[in-house]
Amino acid sequence: MEDTTEATAGDIHAAYSEAAGERRLVFDREGQTAVVAQNIEGYAMLRVRRTADGDELERYYGFDMALDHVAELLDVDPNALPVPEAAADMGM
C-alpha cells in the first residue's frame, strides 16, 4: 500500500490511497463516507460505494459523474469536494 494523500475543505475530508489492487478515494463528512474506487492500473470504470469494502452502488466512466454521486451521498455540492492531487487523474 502506498502512502495516503489527504485533502480537506470545510467539513469534508478526502483520503487517496492504493490498496487491495485498487485506487481509492475516500470522502468523509460528519461520519458519513463515500468511496470512489478504480483498479490499480487506472483504466477501468469508477465504482462508487459507501465504504472501501462495501457493495458497489454504481459505476461511472467519468470522474465528474462519480463525484456528483459522492456529493449526493454526502449531501454537499460537488464543487465542495476536496480532491487530493494524486487522485485527480481518476476516470477514463
N, C-alpha and C. Protein backbone atom coordinates (compact mmCIF):
# COMPACT_ATOMS: atom_id res chain seq x y z
N MET A 1 0.84 -1.18 0.00
CA MET A 1 0.00 0.00 0.00
C MET A 1 0.88 1.24 0.00
N GLU A 2 0.50 2.19 -0.81
CA GLU A 2 1.25 3.44 -0.88
C GLU A 2 0.79 4.38 0.23
N ASP A 3 1.52 5.43 0.41
CA ASP A 3 1.14 6.45 1.37
C ASP A 3 -0.20 7.05 0.99
N THR A 4 -0.90 7.49 1.99
CA THR A 4 -2.18 8.15 1.78
C THR A 4 -1.95 9.63 1.54
N THR A 5 -2.65 10.18 0.56
CA THR A 5 -2.63 11.60 0.27
C THR A 5 -3.98 12.15 0.71
N GLU A 6 -3.98 13.25 1.45
CA GLU A 6 -5.22 13.76 2.00
C GLU A 6 -5.47 15.21 1.61
N ALA A 7 -6.75 15.59 1.68
CA ALA A 7 -7.16 16.97 1.44
C ALA A 7 -8.42 17.22 2.27
N THR A 8 -8.58 18.46 2.70
CA THR A 8 -9.76 18.83 3.49
C THR A 8 -10.29 20.16 2.98
N ALA A 9 -11.62 20.25 2.93
CA ALA A 9 -12.29 21.50 2.59
C ALA A 9 -13.53 21.59 3.47
N GLY A 10 -13.56 22.58 4.33
CA GLY A 10 -14.68 22.71 5.25
C GLY A 10 -14.78 21.48 6.12
N ASP A 11 -15.96 20.85 6.13
CA ASP A 11 -16.16 19.66 6.96
C ASP A 11 -16.02 18.35 6.18
N ILE A 12 -15.40 18.43 4.99
CA ILE A 12 -15.21 17.24 4.15
C ILE A 12 -13.73 16.88 4.11
N HIS A 13 -13.44 15.64 4.44
CA HIS A 13 -12.07 15.14 4.40
C HIS A 13 -11.98 14.08 3.31
N ALA A 14 -10.92 14.13 2.51
CA ALA A 14 -10.70 13.14 1.45
C ALA A 14 -9.33 12.51 1.66
N ALA A 15 -9.27 11.19 1.45
CA ALA A 15 -8.01 10.46 1.57
C ALA A 15 -7.87 9.53 0.37
N TYR A 16 -6.77 9.66 -0.37
CA TYR A 16 -6.49 8.82 -1.52
C TYR A 16 -5.40 7.82 -1.14
N SER A 17 -5.62 6.56 -1.50
CA SER A 17 -4.61 5.53 -1.26
C SER A 17 -4.76 4.43 -2.30
N GLU A 18 -3.77 3.57 -2.34
CA GLU A 18 -3.82 2.40 -3.21
C GLU A 18 -3.74 1.17 -2.31
N ALA A 19 -4.74 0.30 -2.40
CA ALA A 19 -4.80 -0.88 -1.54
C ALA A 19 -5.67 -1.95 -2.21
N ALA A 20 -5.36 -3.20 -1.94
CA ALA A 20 -6.16 -4.34 -2.42
C ALA A 20 -6.40 -4.27 -3.93
N GLY A 21 -5.38 -3.84 -4.68
CA GLY A 21 -5.50 -3.78 -6.14
C GLY A 21 -6.35 -2.64 -6.66
N GLU A 22 -6.62 -1.65 -5.80
CA GLU A 22 -7.47 -0.52 -6.19
C GLU A 22 -6.84 0.81 -5.84
N ARG A 23 -7.24 1.80 -6.60
CA ARG A 23 -7.01 3.20 -6.22
C ARG A 23 -8.29 3.61 -5.51
N ARG A 24 -8.18 4.16 -4.31
CA ARG A 24 -9.37 4.51 -3.53
C ARG A 24 -9.32 5.95 -3.09
N LEU A 25 -10.42 6.63 -3.30
CA LEU A 25 -10.60 8.00 -2.84
C LEU A 25 -11.78 7.98 -1.87
N VAL A 26 -11.47 8.11 -0.59
CA VAL A 26 -12.48 8.01 0.46
C VAL A 26 -12.82 9.40 0.97
N PHE A 27 -14.09 9.73 0.92
CA PHE A 27 -14.58 11.01 1.44
C PHE A 27 -15.31 10.76 2.75
N ASP A 28 -15.11 11.66 3.71
CA ASP A 28 -15.79 11.57 5.00
C ASP A 28 -16.35 12.94 5.33
N ARG A 29 -17.62 12.94 5.72
CA ARG A 29 -18.27 14.18 6.16
C ARG A 29 -19.20 13.84 7.32
N GLU A 30 -18.86 14.34 8.48
CA GLU A 30 -19.69 14.16 9.66
C GLU A 30 -20.04 12.69 9.90
N GLY A 31 -19.07 11.80 9.71
CA GLY A 31 -19.27 10.39 9.97
C GLY A 31 -19.87 9.60 8.81
N GLN A 32 -20.28 10.28 7.76
CA GLN A 32 -20.79 9.62 6.56
C GLN A 32 -19.64 9.47 5.58
N THR A 33 -19.53 8.31 4.94
CA THR A 33 -18.45 8.10 3.98
C THR A 33 -19.00 7.74 2.61
N ALA A 34 -18.18 8.01 1.62
CA ALA A 34 -18.44 7.62 0.23
C ALA A 34 -17.08 7.40 -0.41
N VAL A 35 -16.99 6.40 -1.27
CA VAL A 35 -15.71 6.00 -1.85
C VAL A 35 -15.81 5.91 -3.36
N VAL A 36 -14.79 6.42 -4.04
CA VAL A 36 -14.62 6.21 -5.48
C VAL A 36 -13.43 5.26 -5.61
N ALA A 37 -13.63 4.14 -6.31
CA ALA A 37 -12.57 3.15 -6.47
C ALA A 37 -12.37 2.82 -7.94
N GLN A 38 -11.13 2.53 -8.29
CA GLN A 38 -10.75 2.17 -9.65
C GLN A 38 -9.65 1.13 -9.56
N ASN A 39 -9.53 0.25 -10.56
CA ASN A 39 -8.46 -0.74 -10.48
C ASN A 39 -7.11 -0.04 -10.47
N ILE A 40 -6.12 -0.73 -9.99
CA ILE A 40 -4.79 -0.14 -9.77
C ILE A 40 -4.14 0.33 -11.06
N GLU A 41 -4.51 -0.31 -12.19
CA GLU A 41 -3.96 0.10 -13.47
C GLU A 41 -4.55 1.42 -13.94
N GLY A 42 -5.71 1.80 -13.38
CA GLY A 42 -6.30 3.10 -13.67
C GLY A 42 -7.05 3.20 -14.98
N TYR A 43 -7.46 2.08 -15.57
CA TYR A 43 -8.18 2.19 -16.84
C TYR A 43 -9.61 1.68 -16.79
N ALA A 44 -10.07 1.16 -15.68
CA ALA A 44 -11.43 0.63 -15.57
C ALA A 44 -12.40 1.71 -15.11
N MET A 45 -13.68 1.37 -15.20
CA MET A 45 -14.72 2.28 -14.74
C MET A 45 -14.55 2.52 -13.23
N LEU A 46 -15.04 3.65 -12.80
CA LEU A 46 -15.01 4.02 -11.39
C LEU A 46 -16.21 3.42 -10.68
N ARG A 47 -16.00 2.92 -9.49
CA ARG A 47 -17.07 2.36 -8.69
C ARG A 47 -17.31 3.27 -7.49
N VAL A 48 -18.57 3.54 -7.20
CA VAL A 48 -18.93 4.34 -6.03
C VAL A 48 -19.53 3.39 -5.00
N ARG A 49 -19.04 3.51 -3.77
CA ARG A 49 -19.50 2.69 -2.64
C ARG A 49 -19.66 3.57 -1.42
N ARG A 50 -20.33 3.05 -0.43
CA ARG A 50 -20.45 3.76 0.85
C ARG A 50 -19.17 3.63 1.67
N THR A 51 -18.50 2.47 1.59
CA THR A 51 -17.26 2.23 2.33
C THR A 51 -16.25 1.58 1.38
N ALA A 52 -14.99 1.54 1.78
CA ALA A 52 -13.94 1.00 0.92
C ALA A 52 -14.23 -0.44 0.49
N ASP A 53 -14.77 -1.24 1.38
CA ASP A 53 -15.05 -2.64 1.06
C ASP A 53 -16.54 -2.92 0.89
N GLY A 54 -17.34 -1.87 0.82
CA GLY A 54 -18.79 -2.03 0.71
C GLY A 54 -19.25 -2.44 -0.67
N ASP A 55 -20.53 -2.66 -0.78
CA ASP A 55 -21.14 -3.03 -2.05
C ASP A 55 -21.12 -1.86 -3.02
N GLU A 56 -20.90 -2.16 -4.27
CA GLU A 56 -20.90 -1.15 -5.32
C GLU A 56 -22.31 -0.59 -5.48
N LEU A 57 -22.42 0.73 -5.51
CA LEU A 57 -23.70 1.39 -5.73
C LEU A 57 -23.92 1.69 -7.20
N GLU A 58 -22.84 2.09 -7.88
CA GLU A 58 -22.94 2.48 -9.30
C GLU A 58 -21.55 2.51 -9.90
N ARG A 59 -21.48 2.42 -11.25
CA ARG A 59 -20.22 2.56 -11.99
C ARG A 59 -20.31 3.74 -12.94
N TYR A 60 -19.17 4.41 -13.12
CA TYR A 60 -19.11 5.57 -14.00
C TYR A 60 -17.84 5.55 -14.82
N TYR A 61 -17.91 6.09 -16.03
CA TYR A 61 -16.71 6.28 -16.85
C TYR A 61 -15.98 7.54 -16.40
N GLY A 62 -16.73 8.57 -16.11
CA GLY A 62 -16.13 9.87 -15.82
C GLY A 62 -16.01 10.16 -14.33
N PHE A 63 -14.91 10.77 -13.97
CA PHE A 63 -14.65 11.15 -12.59
C PHE A 63 -15.69 12.15 -12.10
N ASP A 64 -16.05 13.12 -12.95
CA ASP A 64 -17.04 14.13 -12.56
C ASP A 64 -18.37 13.49 -12.18
N MET A 65 -18.78 12.49 -12.95
CA MET A 65 -20.05 11.80 -12.66
C MET A 65 -19.97 11.04 -11.33
N ALA A 66 -18.83 10.41 -11.08
CA ALA A 66 -18.64 9.71 -9.80
C ALA A 66 -18.67 10.70 -8.64
N LEU A 67 -18.02 11.84 -8.83
CA LEU A 67 -18.02 12.86 -7.77
C LEU A 67 -19.41 13.43 -7.53
N ASP A 68 -20.21 13.56 -8.58
CA ASP A 68 -21.59 14.00 -8.41
C ASP A 68 -22.35 13.04 -7.51
N HIS A 69 -22.15 11.74 -7.71
CA HIS A 69 -22.82 10.73 -6.90
C HIS A 69 -22.33 10.81 -5.44
N VAL A 70 -21.03 10.95 -5.26
CA VAL A 70 -20.47 11.09 -3.92
C VAL A 70 -21.08 12.31 -3.22
N ALA A 71 -21.16 13.42 -3.93
CA ALA A 71 -21.73 14.64 -3.35
C ALA A 71 -23.18 14.43 -2.93
N GLU A 72 -23.92 13.70 -3.75
CA GLU A 72 -25.31 13.39 -3.39
C GLU A 72 -25.37 12.55 -2.12
N LEU A 73 -24.50 11.54 -2.02
CA LEU A 73 -24.47 10.69 -0.83
C LEU A 73 -24.11 11.47 0.43
N LEU A 74 -23.23 12.45 0.29
CA LEU A 74 -22.79 13.25 1.44
C LEU A 74 -23.60 14.53 1.64
N ASP A 75 -24.55 14.77 0.74
CA ASP A 75 -25.42 15.95 0.80
C ASP A 75 -24.61 17.25 0.76
N VAL A 76 -23.73 17.34 -0.25
CA VAL A 76 -22.93 18.55 -0.46
C VAL A 76 -22.91 18.88 -1.95
N ASP A 77 -22.45 20.07 -2.26
CA ASP A 77 -22.24 20.47 -3.65
C ASP A 77 -21.00 19.74 -4.18
N PRO A 78 -21.04 19.19 -5.39
CA PRO A 78 -19.86 18.50 -5.93
C PRO A 78 -18.60 19.37 -5.94
N ASN A 79 -18.77 20.67 -6.12
CA ASN A 79 -17.62 21.57 -6.15
C ASN A 79 -16.97 21.74 -4.78
N ALA A 80 -17.65 21.30 -3.73
CA ALA A 80 -17.10 21.40 -2.37
C ALA A 80 -16.19 20.23 -2.03
N LEU A 81 -16.17 19.19 -2.86
CA LEU A 81 -15.37 18.01 -2.57
C LEU A 81 -13.88 18.27 -2.81
N PRO A 82 -13.05 18.10 -1.79
CA PRO A 82 -11.61 18.25 -2.00
C PRO A 82 -11.06 16.98 -2.66
N VAL A 83 -10.23 17.16 -3.67
CA VAL A 83 -9.63 16.01 -4.37
C VAL A 83 -8.11 16.11 -4.27
N PRO A 84 -7.49 15.18 -3.55
CA PRO A 84 -6.04 15.20 -3.47
C PRO A 84 -5.42 15.07 -4.87
N GLU A 85 -4.30 15.72 -5.09
CA GLU A 85 -3.66 15.75 -6.39
C GLU A 85 -3.44 14.35 -6.97
N ALA A 86 -3.08 13.39 -6.15
CA ALA A 86 -2.83 12.02 -6.63
C ALA A 86 -4.05 11.37 -7.23
N ALA A 87 -5.25 11.84 -6.89
CA ALA A 87 -6.49 11.26 -7.39
C ALA A 87 -7.07 12.02 -8.58
N ALA A 88 -6.47 13.12 -8.95
CA ALA A 88 -7.04 14.00 -9.98
C ALA A 88 -7.16 13.33 -11.36
N ASP A 89 -6.42 12.26 -11.60
CA ASP A 89 -6.47 11.61 -12.92
C ASP A 89 -7.35 10.37 -12.95
N MET A 90 -8.19 10.17 -11.93
CA MET A 90 -9.08 9.01 -11.93
C MET A 90 -10.14 9.17 -13.01
N GLY A 91 -10.60 8.06 -13.53
CA GLY A 91 -11.60 8.06 -14.59
C GLY A 91 -10.99 7.67 -15.91
N MET A 92 -11.84 7.48 -16.90
CA MET A 92 -11.37 7.00 -18.19
C MET A 92 -11.14 8.12 -19.17
